[in-house]
């Protein structure tokens, strides 16, 4: 049974709200995909924070009209799934990864504000790190910087204890240390 006019208006309003927050929209054709495969794809999309819907193209065109994504309307034909994401890379990454393992899902187009992308450009975008991957990398760098600061603040006794009490050769006061060996280990 189809949607009545009020349901259609509510759906367009819901999708329009997601489009207003979006950095990326990816359109993928899903001909012949099974229910189980679509369910797995929905779970991956949900886990990545992507609004993922199968929509009537006429409703999707209304949702993107008068937005920076209006250029995508020309690609809205056939049975399409819409991945809408506030992360500029997440929708492209999830749908592209799924398409690699399933030839029944075909990416048709994508868009960023005021820019329409071909399927090839969506695949290129998918190879970039997402916001979560950037945050994780930043966290790893921050941890390394904290460790370096902590190491710099250690006293010589703490350094010896940290390295198992190993010490270099003893020198007498006022003597000059021998140049380091040029030997490579």
C-alpha atoms as a PDB file:
ATOM      1  CA  UNK A   1       0.000   0.000   0.000  1.00  0.00           C
ATOM      2  CA  UNK A   2       1.337   3.431  -0.965  1.00  0.00           C
ATOM      3  CA  UNK A   3       1.847   6.419   1.247  1.00  0.00           C
ATOM      4  CA  UNK A   4      -0.883   9.001   1.596  1.00  0.00           C
ATOM      5  CA  UNK A   5      -0.137  12.680   1.023  1.00  0.00           C
ATOM      6  CA  UNK A   6       0.507  13.440   4.706  1.00  0.00           C
ATOM      7  CA  UNK A   7       2.955  10.520   4.997  1.00  0.00           C
ATOM      8  CA  UNK A   8       4.775  11.690   1.878  1.00  0.00           C
ATOM      9  CA  UNK A   9       5.075  15.225   3.254  1.00  0.00           C
ATOM     10  CA  UNK A  10       6.407  13.890   6.551  1.00  0.00           C
ATOM     11  CA  UNK A  11       8.952  11.687   4.736  1.00  0.00           C
ATOM     12  CA  UNK A  12      10.137  14.583   2.546  1.00  0.00           C
ATOM     13  CA  UNK A  13      10.493  16.758   5.671  1.00  0.00           C
ATOM     14  CA  UNK A  14      12.511  14.022   7.432  1.00  0.00           C
ATOM     15  CA  UNK A  15      14.840  13.528   4.466  1.00  0.00           C
ATOM     16  CA  UNK A  16      15.152  17.312   3.966  1.00  0.00           C
ATOM     17  CA  UNK A  17      16.289  17.668   7.585  1.00  0.00           C
ATOM     18  CA  UNK A  18      19.000  15.045   7.001  1.00  0.00           C
ATOM     19  CA  UNK A  19      20.040  16.696   3.722  1.00  0.00           C
ATOM     20  CA  UNK A  20      20.375  20.042   5.536  1.00  0.00           C
ATOM     21  CA  UNK A  21      23.010  18.486   7.829  1.00  0.00           C
ATOM     22  CA  UNK A  22      24.700  16.413   5.109  1.00  0.00           C
ATOM     23  CA  UNK A  23      28.197  16.768   3.735  1.00  0.00           C
ATOM     24  CA  UNK A  24      27.782  13.832   1.353  1.00  0.00           C
ATOM     25  CA  UNK A  25      24.971  11.983  -0.400  1.00  0.00           C
ATOM     26  CA  UNK A  26      25.632   8.755  -2.309  1.00  0.00           C
ATOM     27  CA  UNK A  27      23.116   7.159  -4.699  1.00  0.00           C
ATOM     28  CA  UNK A  28      23.401   3.411  -5.294  1.00  0.00           C
ATOM     29  CA  UNK A  29      21.319   1.072  -7.413  1.00  0.00           C
ATOM     30  CA  UNK A  30      20.298  -2.069  -5.558  1.00  0.00           C
ATOM     31  CA  UNK A  31      18.684  -4.287  -8.226  1.00  0.00           C
ATOM     32  CA  UNK A  32      18.504  -7.961  -7.180  1.00  0.00           C
ATOM     33  CA  UNK A  33      19.952  -7.447  -3.700  1.00  0.00           C
ATOM     34  CA  UNK A  34      18.462  -9.835  -1.169  1.00  0.00           C
ATOM     35  CA  UNK A  35      16.837  -8.770   2.072  1.00  0.00           C
ATOM     36  CA  UNK A  36      19.712 -10.199   4.113  1.00  0.00           C
ATOM     37  CA  UNK A  37      22.280  -8.239   2.130  1.00  0.00           C
ATOM     38  CA  UNK A  38      20.314  -5.006   2.478  1.00  0.00           C
ATOM     39  CA  UNK A  39      19.961  -5.630   6.216  1.00  0.00           C
ATOM     40  CA  UNK A  40      23.757  -6.059   6.565  1.00  0.00           C
ATOM     41  CA  UNK A  41      24.323  -2.868   4.582  1.00  0.00           C
ATOM     42  CA  UNK A  42      21.831  -0.959   6.756  1.00  0.00           C
ATOM     43  CA  UNK A  43      23.625  -2.153   9.896  1.00  0.00           C
ATOM     44  CA  UNK A  44      27.009  -0.991   8.557  1.00  0.00           C
ATOM     45  CA  UNK A  45      25.525   2.363   7.562  1.00  0.00           C
ATOM     46  CA  UNK A  46      23.885   2.834  10.945  1.00  0.00           C
ATOM     47  CA  UNK A  47      27.156   1.993  12.680  1.00  0.00           C
ATOM     48  CA  UNK A  48      28.924   4.690  10.639  1.00  0.00           C
ATOM     49  CA  UNK A  49      26.277   7.326  11.407  1.00  0.00           C
ATOM     50  CA  UNK A  50      24.784   7.340   7.917  1.00  0.00           C
ATOM     51  CA  UNK A  51      21.102   7.996   7.255  1.00  0.00           C
ATOM     52  CA  UNK A  52      20.316   5.215   4.808  1.00  0.00           C
ATOM     53  CA  UNK A  53      16.992   4.944   2.964  1.00  0.00           C
ATOM     54  CA  UNK A  54      15.326   3.453  -0.045  1.00  0.00           C
ATOM     55  CA  UNK A  55      13.139   6.263  -1.369  1.00  0.00           C
ATOM     56  CA  UNK A  56      10.888   6.994  -4.279  1.00  0.00           C
ATOM     57  CA  UNK A  57      12.938   9.192  -6.559  1.00  0.00           C
ATOM     58  CA  UNK A  58      10.197  11.822  -6.804  1.00  0.00           C
ATOM     59  CA  UNK A  59      10.258  12.240  -3.014  1.00  0.00           C
ATOM     60  CA  UNK A  60      14.061  12.362  -2.988  1.00  0.00           C
ATOM     61  CA  UNK A  61      14.019  15.061  -5.694  1.00  0.00           C
ATOM     62  CA  UNK A  62      11.659  17.136  -3.569  1.00  0.00           C
ATOM     63  CA  UNK A  63      13.917  16.692  -0.539  1.00  0.00           C
ATOM     64  CA  UNK A  64      17.031  17.981  -2.357  1.00  0.00           C
ATOM     65  CA  UNK A  65      15.270  20.761  -4.295  1.00  0.00           C
ATOM     66  CA  UNK A  66      16.572  24.222  -3.345  1.00  0.00           C
ATOM     67  CA  UNK A  67      19.555  22.720  -1.479  1.00  0.00           C
ATOM     68  CA  UNK A  68      23.257  22.517  -2.401  1.00  0.00           C
ATOM     69  CA  UNK A  69      22.507  18.913  -3.494  1.00  0.00           C
ATOM     70  CA  UNK A  70      19.900  19.857  -6.124  1.00  0.00           C
ATOM     71  CA  UNK A  71      22.276  18.786  -8.928  1.00  0.00           C
ATOM     72  CA  UNK A  72      21.832  15.141  -7.899  1.00  0.00           C
ATOM     73  CA  UNK A  73      18.210  15.184  -9.100  1.00  0.00           C
ATOM     74  CA  UNK A  74      19.297  14.377 -12.664  1.00  0.00           C
ATOM     75  CA  UNK A  75      20.790  11.062 -11.431  1.00  0.00           C
ATOM     76  CA  UNK A  76      17.700   9.976  -9.488  1.00  0.00           C
ATOM     77  CA  UNK A  77      16.328   7.283 -11.776  1.00  0.00           C
ATOM     78  CA  UNK A  78      15.822   3.572 -11.206  1.00  0.00           C
ATOM     79  CA  UNK A  79      15.740   1.685  -7.913  1.00  0.00           C
ATOM     80  CA  UNK A  80      18.052   3.711  -5.671  1.00  0.00           C
ATOM     81  CA  UNK A  81      19.260   3.691  -2.095  1.00  0.00           C
ATOM     82  CA  UNK A  82      20.351   6.982  -0.591  1.00  0.00           C
ATOM     83  CA  UNK A  83      23.229   7.259   1.875  1.00  0.00           C
ATOM     84  CA  UNK A  84      23.168  10.690   3.541  1.00  0.00           C
ATOM     85  CA  UNK A  85      26.005  11.553   5.895  1.00  0.00           C
ATOM     86  CA  UNK A  86      27.259  14.517   7.931  1.00  0.00           C
ATOM     87  CA  UNK A  87      30.742  12.989   7.565  1.00  0.00           C
ATOM     88  CA  UNK A  88      32.130  13.891   4.130  1.00  0.00           C
ATOM     89  CA  UNK A  89      33.609  10.405   3.593  1.00  0.00           C
ATOM     90  CA  UNK A  90      31.535   7.882   5.585  1.00  0.00           C
ATOM     91  CA  UNK A  91      28.692   7.266   3.106  1.00  0.00           C
ATOM     92  CA  UNK A  92      31.097   6.844   0.198  1.00  0.00           C
ATOM     93  CA  UNK A  93      33.322   4.525   2.255  1.00  0.00           C
ATOM     94  CA  UNK A  94      30.533   2.224   3.495  1.00  0.00           C
ATOM     95  CA  UNK A  95      28.720   1.930   0.159  1.00  0.00           C
ATOM     96  CA  UNK A  96      31.940   1.531  -1.834  1.00  0.00           C
ATOM     97  CA  UNK A  97      33.221  -1.219   0.485  1.00  0.00           C
ATOM     98  CA  UNK A  98      29.910  -3.052   0.243  1.00  0.00           C
ATOM     99  CA  UNK A  99      29.871  -2.693  -3.557  1.00  0.00           C
ATOM    100  CA  UNK A 100      33.351  -4.235  -3.791  1.00  0.00           C
ATOM    101  CA  UNK A 101      32.041  -7.432  -2.224  1.00  0.00           C
ATOM    102  CA  UNK A 102      28.671  -7.421  -3.967  1.00  0.00           C
ATOM    103  CA  UNK A 103      28.363  -6.709  -7.673  1.00  0.00           C
ATOM    104  CA  UNK A 104      24.579  -6.223  -7.373  1.00  0.00           C
ATOM    105  CA  UNK A 105      25.074  -2.877  -5.596  1.00  0.00           C
ATOM    106  CA  UNK A 106      26.199  -0.258  -8.108  1.00  0.00           C
ATOM    107  CA  UNK A 107      27.107   3.268  -7.080  1.00  0.00           C
ATOM    108  CA  UNK A 108      25.498   5.652  -9.579  1.00  0.00           C
ATOM    109  CA  UNK A 109      26.512   9.088  -8.318  1.00  0.00           C
ATOM    110  CA  UNK A 110      27.274  11.144  -5.266  1.00  0.00           C
ATOM    111  CA  UNK A 111      27.364  14.697  -4.188  1.00  0.00           C
ATOM    112  CA  UNK A 112      28.888  17.153  -1.818  1.00  0.00           C
ATOM    113  CA  UNK A 113      27.431  20.641  -1.362  1.00  0.00           C
ATOM    114  CA  UNK A 114      27.284  22.295  -4.799  1.00  0.00           C
ATOM    115  CA  UNK A 115      29.185  19.437  -6.428  1.00  0.00           C
ATOM    116  CA  UNK A 116      27.935  16.325  -8.227  1.00  0.00           C
ATOM    117  CA  UNK A 117      30.336  13.368  -8.341  1.00  0.00           C
ATOM    118  CA  UNK A 118      30.539  10.420 -10.700  1.00  0.00           C
ATOM    119  CA  UNK A 119      30.758   6.867  -9.392  1.00  0.00           C
ATOM    120  CA  UNK A 120      34.526   6.966  -9.960  1.00  0.00           C
ATOM    121  CA  UNK A 121      34.844  10.150  -7.886  1.00  0.00           C
ATOM    122  CA  UNK A 122      32.782   8.546  -5.103  1.00  0.00           C
ATOM    123  CA  UNK A 123      35.232   5.607  -5.108  1.00  0.00           C
ATOM    124  CA  UNK A 124      38.141   8.051  -4.846  1.00  0.00           C
ATOM    125  CA  UNK A 125      36.419   9.823  -1.949  1.00  0.00           C
ATOM    126  CA  UNK A 126      35.920   6.457  -0.237  1.00  0.00           C
ATOM    127  CA  UNK A 127      39.698   5.971  -0.075  1.00  0.00           C
ATOM    128  CA  UNK A 128      40.145   9.069   2.108  1.00  0.00           C
ATOM    129  CA  UNK A 129      40.129   8.684   5.904  1.00  0.00           C
ATOM    130  CA  UNK A 130      36.797   9.438   7.587  1.00  0.00           C
ATOM    131  CA  UNK A 131      36.347  11.787  10.558  1.00  0.00           C
ATOM    132  CA  UNK A 132      36.493   8.848  12.973  1.00  0.00           C
ATOM    133  CA  UNK A 133      39.757   7.649  11.444  1.00  0.00           C
ATOM    134  CA  UNK A 134      41.166  11.187  11.725  1.00  0.00           C
ATOM    135  CA  UNK A 135      40.131  11.391  15.374  1.00  0.00           C
ATOM    136  CA  UNK A 136      41.713   8.041  16.094  1.00  0.00           C
ATOM    137  CA  UNK A 137      44.966   9.081  14.408  1.00  0.00           C
ATOM    138  CA  UNK A 138      44.965  12.384  16.297  1.00  0.00           C
ATOM    139  CA  UNK A 139      44.473  10.461  19.540  1.00  0.00           C
ATOM    140  CA  UNK A 140      47.442   8.218  18.740  1.00  0.00           C
ATOM    141  CA  UNK A 141      49.625  11.251  18.013  1.00  0.00           C
ATOM    142  CA  UNK A 142      48.493  12.958  21.202  1.00  0.00           C
ATOM    143  CA  UNK A 143      49.444   9.844  23.198  1.00  0.00           C
ATOM    144  CA  UNK A 144      52.915   9.816  21.660  1.00  0.00           C
ATOM    145  CA  UNK A 145      53.375  13.505  22.490  1.00  0.00           C
ATOM    146  CA  UNK A 146      52.267  12.935  26.097  1.00  0.00           C
ATOM    147  CA  UNK A 147      54.781  10.072  26.407  1.00  0.00           C
ATOM    148  CA  UNK A 148      57.594  12.201  24.972  1.00  0.00           C
ATOM    149  CA  UNK A 149      56.827  15.005  27.439  1.00  0.00           C
ATOM    150  CA  UNK A 150      56.791  12.515  30.306  1.00  0.00           C
ATOM    151  CA  UNK A 151      60.135  11.067  29.180  1.00  0.00           C
ATOM    152  CA  UNK A 152      61.675  14.551  28.991  1.00  0.00           C
ATOM    153  CA  UNK A 153      60.609  15.280  32.569  1.00  0.00           C
ATOM    154  CA  UNK A 154      62.179  12.160  34.076  1.00  0.00           C
ATOM    155  CA  UNK A 155      65.189  12.465  36.292  1.00  0.00           C
ATOM    156  CA  UNK A 156      68.368  10.536  35.376  1.00  0.00           C
ATOM    157  CA  UNK A 157      67.552   8.000  38.103  1.00  0.00           C
ATOM    158  CA  UNK A 158      64.090   7.436  36.684  1.00  0.00           C
ATOM    159  CA  UNK A 159      65.554   6.997  33.213  1.00  0.00           C
ATOM    160  CA  UNK A 160      68.000   4.364  34.499  1.00  0.00           C
ATOM    161  CA  UNK A 161      65.171   2.573  36.298  1.00  0.00           C
ATOM    162  CA  UNK A 162      63.018   2.731  33.187  1.00  0.00           C
ATOM    163  CA  UNK A 163      65.726   1.143  31.061  1.00  0.00           C
ATOM    164  CA  UNK A 164      66.503  -1.592  33.568  1.00  0.00           C
ATOM    165  CA  UNK A 165      69.419   0.067  35.340  1.00  0.00           C
ATOM    166  CA  UNK A 166      71.669  -0.033  32.280  1.00  0.00           C
ATOM    167  CA  UNK A 167      74.283   2.641  32.360  1.00  0.00           C
ATOM    168  CA  UNK A 168      76.836   3.877  29.938  1.00  0.00           C
ATOM    169  CA  UNK A 169      80.603   3.953  30.629  1.00  0.00           C
ATOM    170  CA  UNK A 170      81.619   6.004  33.650  1.00  0.00           C
ATOM    171  CA  UNK A 171      83.613   9.142  33.090  1.00  0.00           C
ATOM    172  CA  UNK A 172      85.688  11.155  35.443  1.00  0.00           C
ATOM    173  CA  UNK A 173      84.680  14.718  36.159  1.00  0.00           C
ATOM    174  CA  UNK A 174      85.953  17.126  33.503  1.00  0.00           C
ATOM    175  CA  UNK A 175      86.770  14.425  30.956  1.00  0.00           C
ATOM    176  CA  UNK A 176      85.465  14.569  27.441  1.00  0.00           C
ATOM    177  CA  UNK A 177      83.367  11.700  26.217  1.00  0.00           C
ATOM    178  CA  UNK A 178      84.651   9.667  23.316  1.00  0.00           C
ATOM    179  CA  UNK A 179      82.804  10.233  20.036  1.00  0.00           C
ATOM    180  CA  UNK A 180      80.008   7.769  19.457  1.00  0.00           C
ATOM    181  CA  UNK A 181      80.821   4.673  17.496  1.00  0.00           C
ATOM    182  CA  UNK A 182      79.895   4.779  13.806  1.00  0.00           C
ATOM    183  CA  UNK A 183      78.992   1.156  13.909  1.00  0.00           C
ATOM    184  CA  UNK A 184      75.541   0.313  12.654  1.00  0.00           C
ATOM    185  CA  UNK A 185      73.655  -2.463  14.292  1.00  0.00           C
END
